[in-house]
Amino acid sequence: MQLDLPPPIAAYLAAHGRRSDGIADLFTQDAVVKDEGHSYVGVAAISRWLTESSAKYDFTVQPIAGEAAHGTTIVTCRVTGNFPGSPVDLRYRFRIDGDKIASLEISP
């Protein structure tokens, strides 16, 4: 399914799970990512999270639905890979600041 997503979100989803290099550059310097009960604050921490998750699991992310409301874009994605419970549909809740991702929360 082709969704009309803001450019930094589309770029993040296109690369996430396939590679980790350069993805952290899509985030603001003080961005916050929440995933699996952990918070990662700032580009350096987000870069480490991306590298570690890419090394730990081989997975793909396929956007299947999207909606925008109140400054937040929520994209439901089917995540398939070599992790327990695969495949799973996850909600990626993004907040954008200018042309960068200011926050991302990933939840079931």
C-alpha atoms as a PDB file:
ATOM      1  CA  MET A   1       0.000   0.000   0.000  1.00  0.00           C
ATOM      2  CA  GLN A   2       1.329   3.432  -0.942  1.00  0.00           C
ATOM      3  CA  LEU A   3       0.693   6.053   1.760  1.00  0.00           C
ATOM      4  CA  ASP A   4       1.155   9.811   1.422  1.00  0.00           C
ATOM      5  CA  LEU A   5       3.552  10.368   4.341  1.00  0.00           C
ATOM      6  CA  PRO A   6       5.714  13.363   5.268  1.00  0.00           C
ATOM      7  CA  PRO A   7       9.209  12.932   3.728  1.00  0.00           C
ATOM      8  CA  PRO A   8      11.132  12.175   6.965  1.00  0.00           C
ATOM      9  CA  ILE A   9       8.588   9.497   7.954  1.00  0.00           C
ATOM     10  CA  ALA A  10       8.618   7.929   4.496  1.00  0.00           C
ATOM     11  CA  ALA A  11      12.438   7.895   4.517  1.00  0.00           C
ATOM     12  CA  TYR A  12      12.556   6.354   8.001  1.00  0.00           C
ATOM     13  CA  LEU A  13      10.083   3.589   7.142  1.00  0.00           C
ATOM     14  CA  ALA A  14      11.821   2.844   3.832  1.00  0.00           C
ATOM     15  CA  ALA A  15      15.162   2.308   5.578  1.00  0.00           C
ATOM     16  CA  HIS A  16      14.205   0.897   9.006  1.00  0.00           C
ATOM     17  CA  GLY A  17      15.085  -2.778   9.242  1.00  0.00           C
ATOM     18  CA  ARG A  18      17.052  -2.694   6.008  1.00  0.00           C
ATOM     19  CA  ARG A  19      19.943  -0.510   7.201  1.00  0.00           C
ATOM     20  CA  SER A  20      20.782   1.736  10.126  1.00  0.00           C
ATOM     21  CA  ASP A  21      23.381   4.126   8.724  1.00  0.00           C
ATOM     22  CA  GLY A  22      22.125   7.666   8.230  1.00  0.00           C
ATOM     23  CA  ILE A  23      18.650   7.035   9.629  1.00  0.00           C
ATOM     24  CA  ALA A  24      19.420   8.898  12.871  1.00  0.00           C
ATOM     25  CA  ASP A  25      20.008  12.015  10.734  1.00  0.00           C
ATOM     26  CA  LEU A  26      16.237  12.075  10.116  1.00  0.00           C
ATOM     27  CA  PHE A  27      15.723  12.991  13.807  1.00  0.00           C
ATOM     28  CA  THR A  28      16.065  16.330  15.602  1.00  0.00           C
ATOM     29  CA  GLN A  29      19.066  16.638  17.953  1.00  0.00           C
ATOM     30  CA  ASP A  30      16.842  16.209  21.037  1.00  0.00           C
ATOM     31  CA  ALA A  31      14.416  13.672  19.564  1.00  0.00           C
ATOM     32  CA  VAL A  32      12.926  10.922  21.725  1.00  0.00           C
ATOM     33  CA  VAL A  33      12.219   7.349  20.624  1.00  0.00           C
ATOM     34  CA  LYS A  34      10.195   4.960  22.793  1.00  0.00           C
ATOM     35  CA  ASP A  35      10.339   1.274  21.901  1.00  0.00           C
ATOM     36  CA  GLU A  36       9.911  -1.951  23.903  1.00  0.00           C
ATOM     37  CA  GLY A  37       9.696  -0.087  27.228  1.00  0.00           C
ATOM     38  CA  HIS A  38      12.887   1.941  26.677  1.00  0.00           C
ATOM     39  CA  SER A  39      13.429   5.603  25.801  1.00  0.00           C
ATOM     40  CA  TYR A  40      16.277   6.848  23.627  1.00  0.00           C
ATOM     41  CA  VAL A  41      16.987  10.581  23.766  1.00  0.00           C
ATOM     42  CA  GLY A  42      19.138  12.409  21.226  1.00  0.00           C
ATOM     43  CA  VAL A  43      20.662  11.420  17.912  1.00  0.00           C
ATOM     44  CA  ALA A  44      23.556   9.428  19.427  1.00  0.00           C
ATOM     45  CA  ALA A  45      21.236   7.240  21.534  1.00  0.00           C
ATOM     46  CA  ILE A  46      18.821   6.788  18.628  1.00  0.00           C
ATOM     47  CA  SER A  47      21.699   5.802  16.351  1.00  0.00           C
ATOM     48  CA  ARG A  48      22.839   3.142  18.867  1.00  0.00           C
ATOM     49  CA  TRP A  49      19.249   1.825  19.170  1.00  0.00           C
ATOM     50  CA  LEU A  50      18.941   1.562  15.386  1.00  0.00           C
ATOM     51  CA  THR A  51      22.297  -0.206  15.043  1.00  0.00           C
ATOM     52  CA  GLU A  52      21.557  -2.639  17.873  1.00  0.00           C
ATOM     53  CA  SER A  53      18.056  -3.521  16.655  1.00  0.00           C
ATOM     54  CA  SER A  54      19.333  -4.057  13.093  1.00  0.00           C
ATOM     55  CA  ALA A  55      22.124  -6.310  14.391  1.00  0.00           C
ATOM     56  CA  LYS A  56      19.817  -8.271  16.693  1.00  0.00           C
ATOM     57  CA  TYR A  57      16.976  -8.915  14.239  1.00  0.00           C
ATOM     58  CA  ASP A  58      16.542  -9.224  10.508  1.00  0.00           C
ATOM     59  CA  PHE A  59      13.197  -7.581   9.750  1.00  0.00           C
ATOM     60  CA  THR A  60      11.178  -5.611   7.241  1.00  0.00           C
ATOM     61  CA  VAL A  61       8.619  -2.888   7.886  1.00  0.00           C
ATOM     62  CA  GLN A  62       5.601  -2.545   5.584  1.00  0.00           C
ATOM     63  CA  PRO A  63       3.251   0.428   6.154  1.00  0.00           C
ATOM     64  CA  ILE A  64      -0.367  -0.720   5.884  1.00  0.00           C
ATOM     65  CA  ALA A  65      -2.378   2.268   7.179  1.00  0.00           C
ATOM     66  CA  GLY A  66      -1.833   5.854   8.196  1.00  0.00           C
ATOM     67  CA  GLU A  67      -3.643   8.780   9.777  1.00  0.00           C
ATOM     68  CA  ALA A  68      -2.718  12.282  10.879  1.00  0.00           C
ATOM     69  CA  ALA A  69      -4.353  14.253  13.694  1.00  0.00           C
ATOM     70  CA  HIS A  70      -3.322  16.949  16.164  1.00  0.00           C
ATOM     71  CA  GLY A  71       0.282  17.190  14.949  1.00  0.00           C
ATOM     72  CA  THR A  72       0.861  13.444  15.113  1.00  0.00           C
ATOM     73  CA  THR A  73       1.129  10.936  12.277  1.00  0.00           C
ATOM     74  CA  ILE A  74       0.288   7.354  13.173  1.00  0.00           C
ATOM     75  CA  VAL A  75       1.387   4.642  10.762  1.00  0.00           C
ATOM     76  CA  THR A  76       0.391   1.027  11.290  1.00  0.00           C
ATOM     77  CA  CYS A  77       3.093  -1.275   9.943  1.00  0.00           C
ATOM     78  CA  ARG A  78       3.400  -5.011   9.511  1.00  0.00           C
ATOM     79  CA  VAL A  79       6.811  -5.988  10.861  1.00  0.00           C
ATOM     80  CA  THR A  80       8.110  -9.354   9.711  1.00  0.00           C
ATOM     81  CA  GLY A  81      11.386 -10.950  10.720  1.00  0.00           C
ATOM     82  CA  ASN A  82      13.321 -13.399  12.856  1.00  0.00           C
ATOM     83  CA  PHE A  83      11.873 -12.387  16.212  1.00  0.00           C
ATOM     84  CA  PRO A  84       9.292 -14.081  18.456  1.00  0.00           C
ATOM     85  CA  GLY A  85       5.713 -13.362  17.374  1.00  0.00           C
ATOM     86  CA  SER A  86       6.566 -12.410  13.791  1.00  0.00           C
ATOM     87  CA  PRO A  87       4.755 -11.026  11.926  1.00  0.00           C
ATOM     88  CA  VAL A  88       3.238  -8.326  14.104  1.00  0.00           C
ATOM     89  CA  ASP A  89       1.342  -5.127  13.363  1.00  0.00           C
ATOM     90  CA  LEU A  90       2.825  -2.164  15.233  1.00  0.00           C
ATOM     91  CA  ARG A  91       1.772   1.464  15.517  1.00  0.00           C
ATOM     92  CA  TYR A  92       4.475   4.038  14.821  1.00  0.00           C
ATOM     93  CA  ARG A  93       3.434   7.382  16.311  1.00  0.00           C
ATOM     94  CA  PHE A  94       5.517  10.228  14.840  1.00  0.00           C
ATOM     95  CA  ARG A  95       5.732  13.925  15.660  1.00  0.00           C
ATOM     96  CA  ILE A  96       7.549  16.091  13.128  1.00  0.00           C
ATOM     97  CA  ASP A  97       9.411  19.348  13.770  1.00  0.00           C
ATOM     98  CA  GLY A  98      10.187  21.092  10.483  1.00  0.00           C
ATOM     99  CA  ASP A  99      11.739  18.458   8.242  1.00  0.00           C
ATOM    100  CA  LYS A 100      12.890  16.133  11.042  1.00  0.00           C
ATOM    101  CA  ILE A 101      11.315  13.555  13.359  1.00  0.00           C
ATOM    102  CA  ALA A 102      10.985  15.015  16.876  1.00  0.00           C
ATOM    103  CA  SER A 103       9.517  11.899  18.487  1.00  0.00           C
ATOM    104  CA  LEU A 104       8.631   8.318  17.662  1.00  0.00           C
ATOM    105  CA  GLU A 105       6.746   5.857  19.822  1.00  0.00           C
ATOM    106  CA  ILE A 106       6.412   2.254  18.659  1.00  0.00           C
ATOM    107  CA  SER A 107       3.670   0.167  20.269  1.00  0.00           C
ATOM    108  CA  PRO A 108       1.442  -2.850  19.593  1.00  0.00           C
END
